[in-house]
Amino acid sequence: MSIALDQLPPGSNARVLHIEGEDGLSRRLSEIGFWPNTSVTVLRRAPFGDPTLYHLRGFQLALRSSEAARVIVEASESLV
């Protein structure tokens, strides 16, 4: 089941499938480590829901919802 990264609840694990778009933001997301088959964990959301903190490739990264919506992931089996 593919879903945008911003739709996953905190505590979820997923695997990156691809990044939508061909603009600067898409390139930036790829450059910081959102590559196909990369594992991503949703750690927590800010009090008003934006940004969200993610863990991937050994580091933590905060993304706005509009940025995370570009990352298409496959949710882990525990979420299906």
PDB file of N, CA and C in Angstrom:
ATOM      1  N   MET A   1       0.842  -1.175   0.000  1.00  0.00           N
ATOM      2  CA  MET A   1       0.000   0.000   0.000  1.00  0.00           C
ATOM      3  C   MET A   1       0.886   1.237   0.000  1.00  0.00           C
ATOM      4  N   SER A   2       0.811   2.057  -1.014  1.00  0.00           N
ATOM      5  CA  SER A   2       1.616   3.272  -1.063  1.00  0.00           C
ATOM      6  C   SER A   2       0.807   4.443  -0.517  1.00  0.00           C
ATOM      7  N   ILE A   3       1.527   5.326   0.188  1.00  0.00           N
ATOM      8  CA  ILE A   3       0.916   6.464   0.851  1.00  0.00           C
ATOM      9  C   ILE A   3       1.964   7.567   0.952  1.00  0.00           C
ATOM     10  N   ALA A   4       1.526   8.800   1.051  1.00  0.00           N
ATOM     11  CA  ALA A   4       2.461   9.908   1.238  1.00  0.00           C
ATOM     12  C   ALA A   4       2.980   9.877   2.673  1.00  0.00           C
ATOM     13  N   LEU A   5       4.229  10.215   2.857  1.00  0.00           N
ATOM     14  CA  LEU A   5       4.872  10.165   4.168  1.00  0.00           C
ATOM     15  C   LEU A   5       4.146  11.020   5.196  1.00  0.00           C
ATOM     16  N   ASP A   6       3.576  12.127   4.796  1.00  0.00           N
ATOM     17  CA  ASP A   6       2.899  13.010   5.754  1.00  0.00           C
ATOM     18  C   ASP A   6       1.615  12.411   6.323  1.00  0.00           C
ATOM     19  N   GLN A   7       1.114  11.332   5.744  1.00  0.00           N
ATOM     20  CA  GLN A   7      -0.123  10.694   6.198  1.00  0.00           C
ATOM     21  C   GLN A   7       0.088   9.645   7.283  1.00  0.00           C
ATOM     22  N   LEU A   8       1.333   9.287   7.559  1.00  0.00           N
ATOM     23  CA  LEU A   8       1.615   8.258   8.560  1.00  0.00           C
ATOM     24  C   LEU A   8       1.590   8.833   9.969  1.00  0.00           C
ATOM     25  N   PRO A   9       1.044   8.103  10.924  1.00  0.00           N
ATOM     26  CA  PRO A   9       1.029   8.566  12.315  1.00  0.00           C
ATOM     27  C   PRO A   9       2.389   8.360  12.989  1.00  0.00           C
ATOM     28  N   PRO A  10       2.658   9.116  14.058  1.00  0.00           N
ATOM     29  CA  PRO A  10       3.902   8.907  14.808  1.00  0.00           C
ATOM     30  C   PRO A  10       4.026   7.462  15.283  1.00  0.00           C
ATOM     31  N   GLY A  11       5.251   6.948  15.233  1.00  0.00           N
ATOM     32  CA  GLY A  11       5.519   5.570  15.607  1.00  0.00           C
ATOM     33  C   GLY A  11       5.502   4.610  14.429  1.00  0.00           C
ATOM     34  N   SER A  12       5.113   5.095  13.265  1.00  0.00           N
ATOM     35  CA  SER A  12       5.029   4.253  12.070  1.00  0.00           C
ATOM     36  C   SER A  12       6.387   4.063  11.418  1.00  0.00           C
ATOM     37  N   ASN A  13       6.536   2.926  10.775  1.00  0.00           N
ATOM     38  CA  ASN A  13       7.717   2.632   9.966  1.00  0.00           C
ATOM     39  C   ASN A  13       7.268   2.445   8.528  1.00  0.00           C
ATOM     40  N   ALA A  14       8.125   2.852   7.602  1.00  0.00           N
ATOM     41  CA  ALA A  14       7.790   2.731   6.189  1.00  0.00           C
ATOM     42  C   ALA A  14       9.063   2.596   5.372  1.00  0.00           C
ATOM     43  N   ARG A  15       8.875   2.280   4.095  1.00  0.00           N
ATOM     44  CA  ARG A  15       9.987   2.161   3.146  1.00  0.00           C
ATOM     45  C   ARG A  15       9.707   3.115   1.992  1.00  0.00           C
ATOM     46  N   VAL A  16      10.703   3.926   1.634  1.00  0.00           N
ATOM     47  CA  VAL A  16      10.546   4.899   0.559  1.00  0.00           C
ATOM     48  C   VAL A  16      10.398   4.177  -0.779  1.00  0.00           C
ATOM     49  N   LEU A  17       9.396   4.570  -1.557  1.00  0.00           N
ATOM     50  CA  LEU A  17       9.211   4.043  -2.909  1.00  0.00           C
ATOM     51  C   LEU A  17       9.777   5.010  -3.939  1.00  0.00           C
ATOM     52  N   HIS A  18       9.360   6.279  -3.860  1.00  0.00           N
ATOM     53  CA  HIS A  18       9.885   7.303  -4.767  1.00  0.00           C
ATOM     54  C   HIS A  18       9.500   8.696  -4.275  1.00  0.00           C
ATOM     55  N   ILE A  19      10.056   9.703  -4.927  1.00  0.00           N
ATOM     56  CA  ILE A  19       9.737  11.098  -4.640  1.00  0.00           C
ATOM     57  C   ILE A  19       9.005  11.654  -5.842  1.00  0.00           C
ATOM     58  N   GLU A  20       7.878  12.310  -5.592  1.00  0.00           N
ATOM     59  CA  GLU A  20       7.105  12.898  -6.683  1.00  0.00           C
ATOM     60  C   GLU A  20       7.707  14.234  -7.103  1.00  0.00           C
ATOM     61  N   GLY A  21       7.695  14.480  -8.399  1.00  0.00           N
ATOM     62  CA  GLY A  21       8.151  15.767  -8.929  1.00  0.00           C
ATOM     63  C   GLY A  21       9.566  15.723  -9.452  1.00  0.00           C
ATOM     64  N   GLU A  22       9.908  16.766 -10.165  1.00  0.00           N
ATOM     65  CA  GLU A  22      11.247  16.899 -10.761  1.00  0.00           C
ATOM     66  C   GLU A  22      11.840  18.271 -10.486  1.00  0.00           C
ATOM     67  N   ASP A  23      11.396  18.936  -9.424  1.00  0.00           N
ATOM     68  CA  ASP A  23      11.860  20.289  -9.132  1.00  0.00           C
ATOM     69  C   ASP A  23      12.959  20.280  -8.069  1.00  0.00           C
ATOM     70  N   GLY A  24      13.305  21.461  -7.594  1.00  0.00           N
ATOM     71  CA  GLY A  24      14.368  21.592  -6.608  1.00  0.00           C
ATOM     72  C   GLY A  24      14.076  20.884  -5.300  1.00  0.00           C
ATOM     73  N   LEU A  25      12.825  20.919  -4.854  1.00  0.00           N
ATOM     74  CA  LEU A  25      12.464  20.245  -3.618  1.00  0.00           C
ATOM     75  C   LEU A  25      12.644  18.736  -3.747  1.00  0.00           C
ATOM     76  N   SER A  26      12.246  18.186  -4.875  1.00  0.00           N
ATOM     77  CA  SER A  26      12.416  16.746  -5.101  1.00  0.00           C
ATOM     78  C   SER A  26      13.894  16.366  -5.079  1.00  0.00           C
ATOM     79  N   ARG A  27      14.728  17.164  -5.721  1.00  0.00           N
ATOM     80  CA  ARG A  27      16.174  16.899  -5.707  1.00  0.00           C
ATOM     81  C   ARG A  27      16.732  17.008  -4.293  1.00  0.00           C
ATOM     82  N   ARG A  28      16.277  18.004  -3.537  1.00  0.00           N
ATOM     83  CA  ARG A  28      16.754  18.195  -2.170  1.00  0.00           C
ATOM     84  C   ARG A  28      16.394  16.992  -1.300  1.00  0.00           C
ATOM     85  N   LEU A  29      15.168  16.510  -1.404  1.00  0.00           N
ATOM     86  CA  LEU A  29      14.752  15.341  -0.630  1.00  0.00           C
ATOM     87  C   LEU A  29      15.603  14.120  -0.974  1.00  0.00           C
ATOM     88  N   SER A  30      15.914  13.958  -2.234  1.00  0.00           N
ATOM     89  CA  SER A  30      16.765  12.851  -2.662  1.00  0.00           C
ATOM     90  C   SER A  30      18.187  13.020  -2.114  1.00  0.00           C
ATOM     91  N   GLU A  31      18.704  14.235  -2.156  1.00  0.00           N
ATOM     92  CA  GLU A  31      20.063  14.493  -1.687  1.00  0.00           C
ATOM     93  C   GLU A  31      20.222  14.272  -0.188  1.00  0.00           C
ATOM     94  N   ILE A  32      19.161  14.488   0.583  1.00  0.00           N
ATOM     95  CA  ILE A  32      19.285  14.300   2.031  1.00  0.00           C
ATOM     96  C   ILE A  32      19.000  12.871   2.478  1.00  0.00           C
ATOM     97  N   GLY A  33      18.704  11.977   1.528  1.00  0.00           N
ATOM     98  CA  GLY A  33      18.642  10.566   1.883  1.00  0.00           C
ATOM     99  C   GLY A  33      17.346   9.836   1.630  1.00  0.00           C
ATOM    100  N   PHE A  34      16.346  10.470   1.063  1.00  0.00           N
ATOM    101  CA  PHE A  34      15.094   9.771   0.754  1.00  0.00           C
ATOM    102  C   PHE A  34      15.245   9.030  -0.564  1.00  0.00           C
ATOM    103  N   TRP A  35      15.966   7.916  -0.507  1.00  0.00           N
ATOM    104  CA  TRP A  35      16.209   7.072  -1.673  1.00  0.00           C
ATOM    105  C   TRP A  35      15.270   5.884  -1.636  1.00  0.00           C
ATOM    106  N   PRO A  36      14.990   5.287  -2.780  1.00  0.00           N
ATOM    107  CA  PRO A  36      14.150   4.080  -2.796  1.00  0.00           C
ATOM    108  C   PRO A  36      14.710   3.005  -1.860  1.00  0.00           C
ATOM    109  N   ASN A  37      13.808   2.340  -1.165  1.00  0.00           N
ATOM    110  CA  ASN A  37      14.108   1.263  -0.214  1.00  0.00           C
ATOM    111  C   ASN A  37      14.712   1.723   1.108  1.00  0.00           C
ATOM    112  N   THR A  38      14.766   3.037   1.349  1.00  0.00           N
ATOM    113  CA  THR A  38      15.251   3.548   2.624  1.00  0.00           C
ATOM    114  C   THR A  38      14.154   3.414   3.674  1.00  0.00           C
ATOM    115  N   SER A  39      14.514   2.929   4.851  1.00  0.00           N
ATOM    116  CA  SER A  39      13.558   2.827   5.960  1.00  0.00           C
ATOM    117  C   SER A  39      13.408   4.182   6.635  1.00  0.00           C
ATOM    118  N   VAL A  40      12.166   4.541   6.952  1.00  0.00           N
ATOM    119  CA  VAL A  40      11.855   5.810   7.603  1.00  0.00           C
ATOM    120  C   VAL A  40      10.933   5.524   8.782  1.00  0.00           C
ATOM    121  N   THR A  41      11.199   6.180   9.907  1.00  0.00           N
ATOM    122  CA  THR A  41      10.336   6.089  11.079  1.00  0.00           C
ATOM    123  C   THR A  41       9.797   7.479  11.389  1.00  0.00           C
ATOM    124  N   VAL A  42       8.491   7.557  11.629  1.00  0.00           N
ATOM    125  CA  VAL A  42       7.868   8.821  12.045  1.00  0.00           C
ATOM    126  C   VAL A  42       8.029   8.906  13.553  1.00  0.00           C
ATOM    127  N   LEU A  43       8.784   9.900  14.025  1.00  0.00           N
ATOM    128  CA  LEU A  43       9.056  10.011  15.454  1.00  0.00           C
ATOM    129  C   LEU A  43       7.969  10.789  16.189  1.00  0.00           C
ATOM    130  N   ARG A  44       7.746  12.038  15.795  1.00  0.00           N
ATOM    131  CA  ARG A  44       6.714  12.852  16.454  1.00  0.00           C
ATOM    132  C   ARG A  44       6.380  14.080  15.633  1.00  0.00           C
ATOM    133  N   ARG A  45       5.213  14.636  15.931  1.00  0.00           N
ATOM    134  CA  ARG A  45       4.753  15.851  15.271  1.00  0.00           C
ATOM    135  C   ARG A  45       4.836  17.017  16.254  1.00  0.00           C
ATOM    136  N   ALA A  46       5.003  18.204  15.717  1.00  0.00           N
ATOM    137  CA  ALA A  46       4.969  19.413  16.535  1.00  0.00           C
ATOM    138  C   ALA A  46       3.551  19.586  17.095  1.00  0.00           C
ATOM    139  N   PRO A  47       3.381  20.365  18.147  1.00  0.00           N
ATOM    140  CA  PRO A  47       2.069  20.510  18.774  1.00  0.00           C
ATOM    141  C   PRO A  47       0.928  20.880  17.826  1.00  0.00           C
ATOM    142  N   PHE A  48       1.183  21.682  16.826  1.00  0.00           N
ATOM    143  CA  PHE A  48       0.131  22.060  15.893  1.00  0.00           C
ATOM    144  C   PHE A  48       0.179  21.252  14.600  1.00  0.00           C
ATOM    145  N   GLY A  49       0.951  20.157  14.598  1.00  0.00           N
ATOM    146  CA  GLY A  49       0.963  19.233  13.477  1.00  0.00           C
ATOM    147  C   GLY A  49       2.013  19.459  12.415  1.00  0.00           C
ATOM    148  N   ASP A  50       2.780  20.516  12.502  1.00  0.00           N
ATOM    149  CA  ASP A  50       3.766  20.795  11.465  1.00  0.00           C
ATOM    150  C   ASP A  50       4.943  21.525  12.091  1.00  0.00           C
ATOM    151  N   PRO A  51       6.176  21.105  11.945  1.00  0.00           N
ATOM    152  CA  PRO A  51       6.675  19.996  11.137  1.00  0.00           C
ATOM    153  C   PRO A  51       6.603  18.664  11.884  1.00  0.00           C
ATOM    154  N   THR A  52       7.070  17.620  11.212  1.00  0.00           N
ATOM    155  CA  THR A  52       7.134  16.276  11.781  1.00  0.00           C
ATOM    156  C   THR A  52       8.584  15.823  11.772  1.00  0.00           C
ATOM    157  N   LEU A  53       8.975  15.120  12.811  1.00  0.00           N
ATOM    158  CA  LEU A  53      10.339  14.619  12.942  1.00  0.00           C
ATOM    159  C   LEU A  53      10.399  13.173  12.465  1.00  0.00           C
ATOM    160  N   TYR A  54      11.370  12.890  11.575  1.00  0.00           N
ATOM    161  CA  TYR A  54      11.553  11.558  10.994  1.00  0.00           C
ATOM    162  C   TYR A  54      12.952  11.062  11.304  1.00  0.00           C
ATOM    163  N   HIS A  55      13.114   9.745  11.307  1.00  0.00           N
ATOM    164  CA  HIS A  55      14.426   9.119  11.475  1.00  0.00           C
ATOM    165  C   HIS A  55      14.710   8.277  10.238  1.00  0.00           C
ATOM    166  N   LEU A  56      15.846   8.550   9.589  1.00  0.00           N
ATOM    167  CA  LEU A  56      16.280   7.755   8.452  1.00  0.00           C
ATOM    168  C   LEU A  56      17.788   7.826   8.334  1.00  0.00           C
ATOM    169  N   ARG A  57      18.374   6.735   7.876  1.00  0.00           N
ATOM    170  CA  ARG A  57      19.821   6.652   7.636  1.00  0.00           C
ATOM    171  C   ARG A  57      20.674   7.145   8.812  1.00  0.00           C
ATOM    172  N   GLY A  58      20.208   6.896  10.045  1.00  0.00           N
ATOM    173  CA  GLY A  58      21.001   7.231  11.223  1.00  0.00           C
ATOM    174  C   GLY A  58      20.900   8.662  11.702  1.00  0.00           C
ATOM    175  N   PHE A  59      20.009   9.474  11.152  1.00  0.00           N
ATOM    176  CA  PHE A  59      19.837  10.829  11.642  1.00  0.00           C
ATOM    177  C   PHE A  59      18.359  11.196  11.702  1.00  0.00           C
ATOM    178  N   GLN A  60      18.086  12.296  12.405  1.00  0.00           N
ATOM    179  CA  GLN A  60      16.721  12.788  12.527  1.00  0.00           C
ATOM    180  C   GLN A  60      16.559  14.038  11.674  1.00  0.00           C
ATOM    181  N   LEU A  61      15.375  14.174  11.096  1.00  0.00           N
ATOM    182  CA  LEU A  61      15.114  15.255  10.153  1.00  0.00           C
ATOM    183  C   LEU A  61      13.689  15.729  10.322  1.00  0.00           C
ATOM    184  N   ALA A  62      13.485  17.040  10.411  1.00  0.00           N
ATOM    185  CA  ALA A  62      12.139  17.606  10.491  1.00  0.00           C
ATOM    186  C   ALA A  62      11.733  18.102   9.103  1.00  0.00           C
ATOM    187  N   LEU A  63      10.533  17.721   8.680  1.00  0.00           N
ATOM    188  CA  LEU A  63       9.983  18.158   7.394  1.00  0.00           C
ATOM    189  C   LEU A  63       8.605  18.758   7.592  1.00  0.00           C
ATOM    190  N   ARG A  64       8.301  19.772   6.806  1.00  0.00           N
ATOM    191  CA  ARG A  64       6.936  20.296   6.771  1.00  0.00           C
ATOM    192  C   ARG A  64       6.050  19.262   6.087  1.00  0.00           C
ATOM    193  N   SER A  65       4.760  19.336   6.360  1.00  0.00           N
ATOM    194  CA  SER A  65       3.819  18.401   5.739  1.00  0.00           C
ATOM    195  C   SER A  65       3.858  18.496   4.224  1.00  0.00           C
ATOM    196  N   SER A  66       3.986  19.704   3.689  1.00  0.00           N
ATOM    197  CA  SER A  66       4.024  19.874   2.229  1.00  0.00           C
ATOM    198  C   SER A  66       5.247  19.216   1.615  1.00  0.00           C
ATOM    199  N   GLU A  67       6.342  19.161   2.354  1.00  0.00           N
ATOM    200  CA  GLU A  67       7.547  18.489   1.860  1.00  0.00           C
ATOM    201  C   GLU A  67       7.401  16.971   1.967  1.00  0.00           C
ATOM    202  N   ALA A  68       6.903  16.506   3.110  1.00  0.00           N
ATOM    203  CA  ALA A  68       6.744  15.070   3.329  1.00  0.00           C
ATOM    204  C   ALA A  68       5.703  14.465   2.386  1.00  0.00           C
ATOM    205  N   ALA A  69       4.766  15.272   1.917  1.00  0.00           N
ATOM    206  CA  ALA A  69       3.739  14.778   0.990  1.00  0.00           C
ATOM    207  C   ALA A  69       4.342  14.356  -0.343  1.00  0.00           C
ATOM    208  N   ARG A  70       5.531  14.822  -0.662  1.00  0.00           N
ATOM    209  CA  ARG A  70       6.194  14.471  -1.920  1.00  0.00           C
ATOM    210  C   ARG A  70       6.851  13.095  -1.868  1.00  0.00           C
ATOM    211  N   VAL A  71       7.077  12.573  -0.646  1.00  0.00           N
ATOM    212  CA  VAL A  71       7.752  11.289  -0.464  1.00  0.00           C
ATOM    213  C   VAL A  71       6.684  10.195  -0.396  1.00  0.00           C
ATOM    214  N   ILE A  72       6.692   9.304  -1.354  1.00  0.00           N
ATOM    215  CA  ILE A  72       5.736   8.200  -1.385  1.00  0.00           C
ATOM    216  C   ILE A  72       6.405   6.984  -0.770  1.00  0.00           C
ATOM    217  N   VAL A  73       5.718   6.389   0.199  1.00  0.00           N
ATOM    218  CA  VAL A  73       6.293   5.273   0.953  1.00  0.00           C
ATOM    219  C   VAL A  73       5.330   4.083   0.943  1.00  0.00           C
ATOM    220  N   GLU A  74       5.874   2.948   1.352  1.00  0.00           N
ATOM    221  CA  GLU A  74       5.075   1.753   1.572  1.00  0.00           C
ATOM    222  C   GLU A  74       5.073   1.526   3.076  1.00  0.00           C
ATOM    223  N   ALA A  75       3.890   1.572   3.682  1.00  0.00           N
ATOM    224  CA  ALA A  75       3.779   1.398   5.130  1.00  0.00           C
ATOM    225  C   ALA A  75       4.151  -0.021   5.527  1.00  0.00           C
ATOM    226  N   SER A  76       4.700  -0.164   6.727  1.00  0.00           N
ATOM    227  CA  SER A  76       5.051  -1.500   7.211  1.00  0.00           C
ATOM    228  C   SER A  76       3.782  -2.311   7.426  1.00  0.00           C
ATOM    229  N   GLU A  77       3.939  -3.604   7.499  1.00  0.00           N
ATOM    230  CA  GLU A  77       2.801  -4.533   7.632  1.00  0.00           C
ATOM    231  C   GLU A  77       1.967  -4.257   8.884  1.00  0.00           C
ATOM    232  N   SER A  78       2.596  -3.723   9.934  1.00  0.00           N
ATOM    233  CA  SER A  78       1.857  -3.499  11.184  1.00  0.00           C
ATOM    234  C   SER A  78       0.782  -2.416  11.022  1.00  0.00           C
ATOM    235  N   LEU A  79       0.892  -1.591   9.983  1.00  0.00           N
ATOM    236  CA  LEU A  79      -0.087  -0.527   9.761  1.00  0.00           C
ATOM    237  C   LEU A  79      -1.214  -0.940   8.834  1.00  0.00           C
ATOM    238  N   VAL A  80      -1.015  -2.010   8.103  1.00  0.00           N
ATOM    239  CA  VAL A  80      -2.006  -2.409   7.094  1.00  0.00           C
ATOM    240  C   VAL A  80      -3.155  -3.147   7.746  1.00  0.00           C
TER     241      VAL A  80
END
